[in-house]
Amino acid sequence: MSEAHNVFISHRHEDDARVADFKELLDGKGVQIRDASITSDNPNEARDPDYIKTQILAPGIRWAGKVVVLITPDTKNHDWVDWEVEYANQLDKPIIGVWAPGSAGCEVPEPLERYADAIVGWNSDSILDAFDGARAFEDSSGTPRSPQPVNRVGC
C-alpha cells in the first residue's frame, strides 16, 4: 500500500516541469502526491488576482496538509509564491522548501526564510523526513545550513 500526501506545490509557472519531476521523485519511493497547485496540466484561466487568490489558490492551500515551495533561480521575489507562503503560514500549515536541481546559489524567498518548517535538498528521503515533521535546514547540495533565525510559534 502506498503512502499519499495532500500538498500544495508553490512554484513559478515557468517551473511547471519541476512539479512533475517532484511527484516522480517521490513516486519512486512509493509515495503518491495529490497536488492542489495550478499547473499547465490544471490551468487557471482567471485574470483577476483577487479571484485567483480567494477562489483558486486559497481553497487549494486550505485543502492541503502541507505546502511545498520549489526553490529555483527565480523563485525569490515572485509575488504569487510569496502570497502562497504567507497564506499557508496564516493557516499554520507546515511549509517545506525544496531546492530544485540547478538551484545552487539561489536566494530563498523572504517569506519562506521566515516561515519554513524545513528547507531540504532534492532528495526523497530528506523530503519525506520533512513531511514527517523533521526540522532540517539544508542548502541546495543537502548540506546542513544555519537554522532559521525565528521559529514559528503557535498561539
N, C-alpha and C. Protein backbone atom coordinates (compact mmCIF):
# COMPACT_ATOMS: atom_id res chain seq x y z
N MET A 1 0.85 -1.18 0.00
CA MET A 1 0.00 0.00 0.00
C MET A 1 0.89 1.24 0.00
N SER A 2 0.59 2.18 -0.90
CA SER A 2 1.43 3.36 -0.98
C SER A 2 0.95 4.44 -0.02
N GLU A 3 1.90 5.27 0.34
CA GLU A 3 1.63 6.42 1.20
C GLU A 3 1.14 7.55 0.30
N ALA A 4 0.23 8.38 0.79
CA ALA A 4 -0.26 9.50 0.00
C ALA A 4 -0.23 10.78 0.83
N HIS A 5 0.07 11.89 0.18
CA HIS A 5 0.10 13.20 0.84
C HIS A 5 -0.67 14.20 0.00
N ASN A 6 -1.50 15.00 0.66
CA ASN A 6 -2.19 16.11 0.02
C ASN A 6 -1.32 17.35 0.19
N VAL A 7 -0.81 17.88 -0.91
CA VAL A 7 0.09 19.02 -0.83
C VAL A 7 -0.34 20.11 -1.81
N PHE A 8 0.10 21.30 -1.52
CA PHE A 8 0.03 22.41 -2.46
C PHE A 8 1.47 22.73 -2.80
N ILE A 9 1.82 22.65 -4.08
CA ILE A 9 3.20 22.90 -4.51
C ILE A 9 3.29 24.32 -5.05
N SER A 10 3.86 25.20 -4.26
CA SER A 10 4.05 26.59 -4.66
C SER A 10 5.26 26.66 -5.58
N HIS A 11 5.07 27.29 -6.74
CA HIS A 11 6.14 27.35 -7.74
C HIS A 11 5.82 28.44 -8.74
N ARG A 12 6.79 28.79 -9.54
CA ARG A 12 6.58 29.70 -10.66
C ARG A 12 6.03 28.90 -11.83
N HIS A 13 5.15 29.53 -12.59
CA HIS A 13 4.56 28.85 -13.75
C HIS A 13 5.65 28.29 -14.66
N GLU A 14 6.74 29.01 -14.80
CA GLU A 14 7.83 28.57 -15.68
C GLU A 14 8.49 27.29 -15.17
N ASP A 15 8.23 26.94 -13.92
CA ASP A 15 8.82 25.74 -13.32
C ASP A 15 7.83 24.58 -13.26
N ASP A 16 6.78 24.61 -14.06
CA ASP A 16 5.77 23.54 -14.06
C ASP A 16 6.40 22.15 -14.22
N ALA A 17 7.40 22.03 -15.07
CA ALA A 17 8.02 20.71 -15.28
C ALA A 17 8.63 20.18 -13.99
N ARG A 18 9.09 21.07 -13.13
CA ARG A 18 9.67 20.64 -11.84
C ARG A 18 8.61 20.03 -10.94
N VAL A 19 7.36 20.47 -11.07
CA VAL A 19 6.28 19.89 -10.26
C VAL A 19 6.12 18.41 -10.62
N ALA A 20 6.11 18.12 -11.91
CA ALA A 20 6.01 16.73 -12.35
C ALA A 20 7.24 15.94 -11.88
N ASP A 21 8.42 16.55 -11.98
CA ASP A 21 9.65 15.88 -11.53
C ASP A 21 9.58 15.58 -10.03
N PHE A 22 9.04 16.53 -9.26
CA PHE A 22 8.91 16.35 -7.81
C PHE A 22 8.00 15.15 -7.49
N LYS A 23 6.87 15.08 -8.17
CA LYS A 23 5.95 13.96 -7.95
C LYS A 23 6.61 12.63 -8.32
N GLU A 24 7.33 12.65 -9.43
CA GLU A 24 8.03 11.45 -9.89
C GLU A 24 9.10 11.02 -8.89
N LEU A 25 9.82 11.99 -8.33
CA LEU A 25 10.85 11.69 -7.33
C LEU A 25 10.25 10.91 -6.16
N LEU A 26 9.11 11.37 -5.66
CA LEU A 26 8.50 10.71 -4.50
C LEU A 26 7.76 9.44 -4.90
N ASP A 27 7.26 9.39 -6.13
CA ASP A 27 6.62 8.18 -6.61
C ASP A 27 7.62 7.02 -6.60
N GLY A 28 8.88 7.34 -6.84
CA GLY A 28 9.93 6.32 -6.80
C GLY A 28 10.09 5.70 -5.42
N LYS A 29 9.57 6.37 -4.39
CA LYS A 29 9.59 5.85 -3.02
C LYS A 29 8.23 5.26 -2.64
N GLY A 30 7.34 5.13 -3.63
CA GLY A 30 6.01 4.59 -3.35
C GLY A 30 5.09 5.61 -2.70
N VAL A 31 5.38 6.90 -2.87
CA VAL A 31 4.58 7.96 -2.25
C VAL A 31 3.79 8.67 -3.34
N GLN A 32 2.49 8.74 -3.15
CA GLN A 32 1.62 9.44 -4.09
C GLN A 32 1.42 10.87 -3.60
N ILE A 33 1.61 11.83 -4.50
CA ILE A 33 1.39 13.24 -4.18
C ILE A 33 0.09 13.67 -4.84
N ARG A 34 -0.87 14.08 -4.01
CA ARG A 34 -2.11 14.68 -4.52
C ARG A 34 -1.93 16.18 -4.40
N ASP A 35 -1.84 16.87 -5.53
CA ASP A 35 -1.42 18.26 -5.58
C ASP A 35 -2.58 19.18 -5.97
N ALA A 36 -2.74 20.25 -5.22
CA ALA A 36 -3.80 21.22 -5.48
C ALA A 36 -3.29 22.46 -6.20
N SER A 37 -2.02 22.49 -6.58
CA SER A 37 -1.49 23.70 -7.21
C SER A 37 -1.97 23.83 -8.66
N ILE A 38 -1.79 25.01 -9.20
CA ILE A 38 -2.17 25.29 -10.58
C ILE A 38 -0.95 25.06 -11.47
N THR A 39 -1.12 24.21 -12.47
CA THR A 39 -0.04 23.95 -13.43
C THR A 39 -0.63 23.99 -14.84
N SER A 40 0.21 23.82 -15.82
CA SER A 40 -0.30 23.79 -17.20
C SER A 40 -1.19 22.57 -17.44
N ASP A 41 -1.05 21.53 -16.60
CA ASP A 41 -1.95 20.37 -16.69
C ASP A 41 -3.31 20.67 -16.04
N ASN A 42 -3.33 21.63 -15.14
CA ASN A 42 -4.53 22.03 -14.40
C ASN A 42 -4.60 23.55 -14.48
N PRO A 43 -4.83 24.11 -15.68
CA PRO A 43 -4.66 25.56 -15.87
C PRO A 43 -5.71 26.41 -15.18
N ASN A 44 -5.34 27.65 -14.99
CA ASN A 44 -6.20 28.66 -14.42
C ASN A 44 -6.42 29.71 -15.50
N GLU A 45 -7.66 29.92 -15.90
CA GLU A 45 -7.96 30.90 -16.95
C GLU A 45 -8.38 32.25 -16.40
N ALA A 46 -8.46 32.37 -15.07
CA ALA A 46 -8.90 33.62 -14.46
C ALA A 46 -7.85 34.71 -14.64
N ARG A 47 -8.28 35.96 -14.61
CA ARG A 47 -7.36 37.09 -14.77
C ARG A 47 -7.33 38.02 -13.55
N ASP A 48 -8.38 37.99 -12.74
CA ASP A 48 -8.46 38.89 -11.59
C ASP A 48 -7.64 38.31 -10.42
N PRO A 49 -6.60 39.02 -9.99
CA PRO A 49 -5.74 38.48 -8.92
C PRO A 49 -6.49 38.16 -7.63
N ASP A 50 -7.48 38.98 -7.26
CA ASP A 50 -8.23 38.69 -6.03
C ASP A 50 -9.04 37.41 -6.18
N TYR A 51 -9.63 37.22 -7.35
CA TYR A 51 -10.39 35.99 -7.60
C TYR A 51 -9.46 34.78 -7.55
N ILE A 52 -8.30 34.91 -8.19
CA ILE A 52 -7.33 33.80 -8.21
C ILE A 52 -6.92 33.43 -6.78
N LYS A 53 -6.65 34.46 -5.96
CA LYS A 53 -6.23 34.18 -4.59
C LYS A 53 -7.35 33.54 -3.77
N THR A 54 -8.54 34.16 -3.79
CA THR A 54 -9.60 33.71 -2.88
C THR A 54 -10.37 32.49 -3.37
N GLN A 55 -10.49 32.34 -4.69
CA GLN A 55 -11.34 31.27 -5.22
C GLN A 55 -10.55 30.08 -5.78
N ILE A 56 -9.27 30.25 -6.03
CA ILE A 56 -8.50 29.16 -6.63
C ILE A 56 -7.35 28.72 -5.72
N LEU A 57 -6.48 29.65 -5.37
CA LEU A 57 -5.31 29.28 -4.58
C LEU A 57 -5.65 28.98 -3.12
N ALA A 58 -6.42 29.87 -2.49
CA ALA A 58 -6.73 29.69 -1.06
C ALA A 58 -7.41 28.35 -0.77
N PRO A 59 -8.43 27.94 -1.53
CA PRO A 59 -9.03 26.63 -1.26
C PRO A 59 -8.03 25.47 -1.41
N GLY A 60 -7.13 25.58 -2.37
CA GLY A 60 -6.13 24.53 -2.56
C GLY A 60 -5.17 24.46 -1.38
N ILE A 61 -4.79 25.61 -0.87
CA ILE A 61 -3.88 25.64 0.29
C ILE A 61 -4.61 25.14 1.53
N ARG A 62 -5.89 25.54 1.70
CA ARG A 62 -6.65 25.05 2.87
C ARG A 62 -6.80 23.53 2.82
N TRP A 63 -7.01 22.97 1.65
CA TRP A 63 -7.20 21.53 1.47
C TRP A 63 -5.92 20.75 1.78
N ALA A 64 -4.79 21.34 1.44
CA ALA A 64 -3.51 20.63 1.56
C ALA A 64 -3.11 20.43 3.02
N GLY A 65 -2.46 19.33 3.26
CA GLY A 65 -1.92 19.07 4.60
C GLY A 65 -0.59 19.77 4.82
N LYS A 66 0.07 20.12 3.74
CA LYS A 66 1.35 20.83 3.81
C LYS A 66 1.58 21.57 2.50
N VAL A 67 2.44 22.58 2.57
CA VAL A 67 2.77 23.37 1.38
C VAL A 67 4.25 23.18 1.09
N VAL A 68 4.54 22.81 -0.15
CA VAL A 68 5.91 22.64 -0.61
C VAL A 68 6.24 23.82 -1.51
N VAL A 69 7.38 24.44 -1.31
CA VAL A 69 7.83 25.55 -2.16
C VAL A 69 9.04 25.07 -2.95
N LEU A 70 8.91 25.03 -4.27
CA LEU A 70 10.04 24.65 -5.11
C LEU A 70 10.94 25.86 -5.28
N ILE A 71 12.18 25.74 -4.83
CA ILE A 71 13.14 26.85 -4.90
C ILE A 71 13.95 26.71 -6.19
N THR A 72 13.81 27.70 -7.04
CA THR A 72 14.55 27.74 -8.31
C THR A 72 15.19 29.13 -8.43
N PRO A 73 16.00 29.36 -9.48
CA PRO A 73 16.69 30.65 -9.57
C PRO A 73 15.79 31.88 -9.51
N ASP A 74 14.55 31.80 -9.97
CA ASP A 74 13.70 33.00 -9.98
C ASP A 74 12.55 32.95 -8.99
N THR A 75 12.61 32.05 -8.02
CA THR A 75 11.52 31.95 -7.04
C THR A 75 11.48 33.17 -6.12
N LYS A 76 12.68 33.66 -5.74
CA LYS A 76 12.73 34.82 -4.85
C LYS A 76 12.07 36.02 -5.54
N ASN A 77 11.34 36.76 -4.76
CA ASN A 77 10.63 37.96 -5.22
C ASN A 77 9.52 37.66 -6.23
N HIS A 78 9.00 36.45 -6.20
CA HIS A 78 7.86 36.11 -7.03
C HIS A 78 6.62 36.34 -6.19
N ASP A 79 5.79 37.31 -6.56
CA ASP A 79 4.65 37.72 -5.73
C ASP A 79 3.69 36.59 -5.40
N TRP A 80 3.42 35.72 -6.36
CA TRP A 80 2.46 34.64 -6.10
C TRP A 80 3.02 33.65 -5.09
N VAL A 81 4.28 33.28 -5.24
CA VAL A 81 4.89 32.35 -4.28
C VAL A 81 4.90 32.99 -2.89
N ASP A 82 5.28 34.27 -2.82
CA ASP A 82 5.28 34.96 -1.52
C ASP A 82 3.89 34.93 -0.88
N TRP A 83 2.87 35.22 -1.69
CA TRP A 83 1.49 35.22 -1.16
C TRP A 83 1.10 33.82 -0.67
N GLU A 84 1.43 32.80 -1.43
CA GLU A 84 1.06 31.44 -1.05
C GLU A 84 1.74 31.04 0.27
N VAL A 85 2.99 31.40 0.45
CA VAL A 85 3.70 31.08 1.70
C VAL A 85 3.08 31.86 2.86
N GLU A 86 2.81 33.15 2.65
CA GLU A 86 2.19 33.96 3.71
C GLU A 86 0.83 33.38 4.10
N TYR A 87 0.03 33.01 3.11
CA TYR A 87 -1.30 32.46 3.38
C TYR A 87 -1.18 31.12 4.12
N ALA A 88 -0.29 30.26 3.69
CA ALA A 88 -0.09 28.97 4.37
C ALA A 88 0.32 29.19 5.82
N ASN A 89 1.14 30.19 6.05
CA ASN A 89 1.56 30.50 7.42
C ASN A 89 0.35 30.94 8.26
N GLN A 90 -0.52 31.76 7.68
CA GLN A 90 -1.72 32.20 8.41
C GLN A 90 -2.56 31.01 8.85
N LEU A 91 -2.56 29.95 8.04
CA LEU A 91 -3.34 28.75 8.34
C LEU A 91 -2.56 27.74 9.18
N ASP A 92 -1.34 28.11 9.52
CA ASP A 92 -0.45 27.24 10.31
C ASP A 92 -0.17 25.90 9.61
N LYS A 93 -0.08 25.94 8.28
CA LYS A 93 0.27 24.74 7.51
C LYS A 93 1.77 24.51 7.58
N PRO A 94 2.21 23.28 7.67
CA PRO A 94 3.65 23.03 7.53
C PRO A 94 4.13 23.51 6.16
N ILE A 95 5.25 24.23 6.16
CA ILE A 95 5.80 24.79 4.93
C ILE A 95 7.20 24.22 4.73
N ILE A 96 7.40 23.57 3.59
CA ILE A 96 8.66 22.88 3.32
C ILE A 96 9.25 23.40 2.02
N GLY A 97 10.42 23.99 2.10
CA GLY A 97 11.13 24.43 0.90
C GLY A 97 11.96 23.27 0.37
N VAL A 98 11.95 23.11 -0.95
CA VAL A 98 12.74 22.05 -1.60
C VAL A 98 13.56 22.68 -2.71
N TRP A 99 14.88 22.53 -2.62
CA TRP A 99 15.78 23.05 -3.65
C TRP A 99 15.63 22.21 -4.91
N ALA A 100 15.23 22.82 -6.00
CA ALA A 100 15.12 22.10 -7.27
C ALA A 100 16.52 21.92 -7.85
N PRO A 101 16.72 20.90 -8.67
CA PRO A 101 18.02 20.74 -9.34
C PRO A 101 18.38 22.02 -10.11
N GLY A 102 19.64 22.41 -10.05
CA GLY A 102 20.09 23.61 -10.73
C GLY A 102 19.87 24.88 -9.94
N SER A 103 19.53 24.76 -8.67
CA SER A 103 19.22 25.94 -7.86
C SER A 103 20.38 26.37 -6.96
N ALA A 104 21.55 25.80 -7.14
CA ALA A 104 22.70 26.17 -6.29
C ALA A 104 22.94 27.67 -6.35
N GLY A 105 23.10 28.27 -5.19
CA GLY A 105 23.38 29.70 -5.10
C GLY A 105 22.16 30.60 -5.17
N CYS A 106 20.99 30.02 -5.32
CA CYS A 106 19.76 30.83 -5.39
C CYS A 106 19.43 31.40 -4.02
N GLU A 107 18.77 32.53 -4.02
CA GLU A 107 18.27 33.08 -2.77
C GLU A 107 16.90 32.50 -2.47
N VAL A 108 16.63 32.30 -1.19
CA VAL A 108 15.35 31.76 -0.74
C VAL A 108 14.36 32.93 -0.60
N PRO A 109 13.12 32.76 -1.04
CA PRO A 109 12.13 33.83 -0.86
C PRO A 109 12.03 34.22 0.62
N GLU A 110 11.93 35.51 0.87
CA GLU A 110 11.88 36.03 2.24
C GLU A 110 10.80 35.37 3.10
N PRO A 111 9.55 35.25 2.62
CA PRO A 111 8.55 34.58 3.46
C PRO A 111 8.92 33.13 3.79
N LEU A 112 9.57 32.46 2.85
CA LEU A 112 9.98 31.08 3.12
C LEU A 112 11.06 31.05 4.19
N GLU A 113 12.01 31.98 4.14
CA GLU A 113 13.04 32.06 5.19
C GLU A 113 12.39 32.27 6.55
N ARG A 114 11.35 33.08 6.60
CA ARG A 114 10.68 33.40 7.87
C ARG A 114 9.84 32.25 8.40
N TYR A 115 9.12 31.56 7.53
CA TYR A 115 8.08 30.64 8.00
C TYR A 115 8.34 29.16 7.73
N ALA A 116 9.41 28.81 7.06
CA ALA A 116 9.62 27.40 6.71
C ALA A 116 9.78 26.54 7.96
N ASP A 117 9.21 25.36 7.89
CA ASP A 117 9.42 24.34 8.92
C ASP A 117 10.65 23.51 8.57
N ALA A 118 10.99 23.49 7.28
CA ALA A 118 12.18 22.79 6.80
C ALA A 118 12.51 23.30 5.40
N ILE A 119 13.78 23.28 5.08
CA ILE A 119 14.24 23.55 3.71
C ILE A 119 15.25 22.46 3.40
N VAL A 120 14.94 21.63 2.40
CA VAL A 120 15.77 20.46 2.13
C VAL A 120 16.16 20.39 0.66
N GLY A 121 17.18 19.58 0.40
CA GLY A 121 17.64 19.36 -0.96
C GLY A 121 16.69 18.45 -1.74
N TRP A 122 17.01 18.26 -2.98
CA TRP A 122 16.21 17.42 -3.89
C TRP A 122 16.54 15.97 -3.60
N ASN A 123 16.08 15.49 -2.47
CA ASN A 123 16.38 14.14 -2.01
C ASN A 123 15.11 13.58 -1.39
N SER A 124 14.63 12.48 -1.93
CA SER A 124 13.33 11.96 -1.48
C SER A 124 13.32 11.63 0.01
N ASP A 125 14.42 11.10 0.54
CA ASP A 125 14.44 10.77 1.97
C ASP A 125 14.34 12.04 2.82
N SER A 126 15.07 13.10 2.43
CA SER A 126 15.00 14.36 3.18
C SER A 126 13.61 14.98 3.09
N ILE A 127 13.02 14.92 1.92
CA ILE A 127 11.67 15.48 1.73
C ILE A 127 10.66 14.72 2.59
N LEU A 128 10.75 13.40 2.57
CA LEU A 128 9.79 12.60 3.36
C LEU A 128 10.01 12.80 4.85
N ASP A 129 11.26 12.96 5.27
CA ASP A 129 11.51 13.29 6.69
C ASP A 129 10.86 14.62 7.04
N ALA A 130 10.97 15.60 6.16
CA ALA A 130 10.33 16.90 6.40
C ALA A 130 8.80 16.76 6.43
N PHE A 131 8.25 15.92 5.56
CA PHE A 131 6.80 15.66 5.59
C PHE A 131 6.40 15.08 6.95
N ASP A 132 7.29 14.30 7.55
CA ASP A 132 7.00 13.69 8.85
C ASP A 132 7.32 14.62 10.02
N GLY A 133 7.74 15.86 9.72
CA GLY A 133 7.94 16.85 10.77
C GLY A 133 9.38 17.15 11.14
N ALA A 134 10.35 16.53 10.47
CA ALA A 134 11.75 16.84 10.77
C ALA A 134 12.04 18.29 10.38
N ARG A 135 12.69 19.02 11.27
CA ARG A 135 13.03 20.43 11.01
C ARG A 135 14.48 20.49 10.54
N ALA A 136 14.70 20.21 9.27
CA ALA A 136 16.04 20.25 8.69
C ALA A 136 16.16 21.48 7.81
N PHE A 137 17.31 22.12 7.87
CA PHE A 137 17.57 23.27 7.02
C PHE A 137 18.87 23.00 6.29
N GLU A 138 18.72 22.77 4.98
CA GLU A 138 19.86 22.38 4.14
C GLU A 138 20.05 23.40 3.03
N ASP A 139 21.28 23.41 2.49
CA ASP A 139 21.49 24.21 1.27
C ASP A 139 21.13 23.33 0.07
N SER A 140 21.33 23.83 -1.11
CA SER A 140 20.89 23.11 -2.31
C SER A 140 21.61 21.78 -2.52
N SER A 141 22.78 21.60 -1.87
CA SER A 141 23.51 20.33 -2.00
C SER A 141 23.08 19.32 -0.95
N GLY A 142 22.22 19.73 -0.02
CA GLY A 142 21.80 18.84 1.05
C GLY A 142 22.65 18.98 2.31
N THR A 143 23.59 19.92 2.30
CA THR A 143 24.44 20.16 3.46
C THR A 143 23.68 21.02 4.47
N PRO A 144 23.75 20.68 5.76
CA PRO A 144 23.04 21.50 6.76
C PRO A 144 23.48 22.96 6.69
N ARG A 145 22.52 23.84 6.84
CA ARG A 145 22.79 25.28 6.87
C ARG A 145 22.29 25.84 8.19
N SER A 146 22.53 27.10 8.42
CA SER A 146 22.11 27.72 9.67
C SER A 146 20.60 27.59 9.84
N PRO A 147 20.18 27.32 11.07
CA PRO A 147 18.74 27.24 11.31
C PRO A 147 18.08 28.60 11.11
N GLN A 148 16.76 28.58 11.00
CA GLN A 148 16.00 29.82 10.84
C GLN A 148 16.21 30.72 12.05
N PRO A 149 16.29 32.04 11.83
CA PRO A 149 16.51 32.95 12.96
C PRO A 149 15.36 32.98 13.95
N VAL A 150 14.14 32.77 13.49
CA VAL A 150 12.98 32.82 14.39
C VAL A 150 12.09 31.63 14.05
N ASN A 151 11.78 30.83 15.04
CA ASN A 151 10.87 29.71 14.82
C ASN A 151 9.44 30.20 14.93
N ARG A 152 8.57 29.54 14.16
CA ARG A 152 7.16 29.86 14.26
C ARG A 152 6.66 29.38 15.60
N VAL A 153 5.76 30.14 16.18
CA VAL A 153 5.16 29.78 17.45
C VAL A 153 3.66 29.74 17.28
N GLY A 154 3.05 28.62 17.63
CA GLY A 154 1.60 28.51 17.55
C GLY A 154 0.94 29.26 18.70
N CYS A 155 -0.18 29.83 18.45
CA CYS A 155 -0.90 30.56 19.50
C CYS A 155 -1.96 29.68 20.12
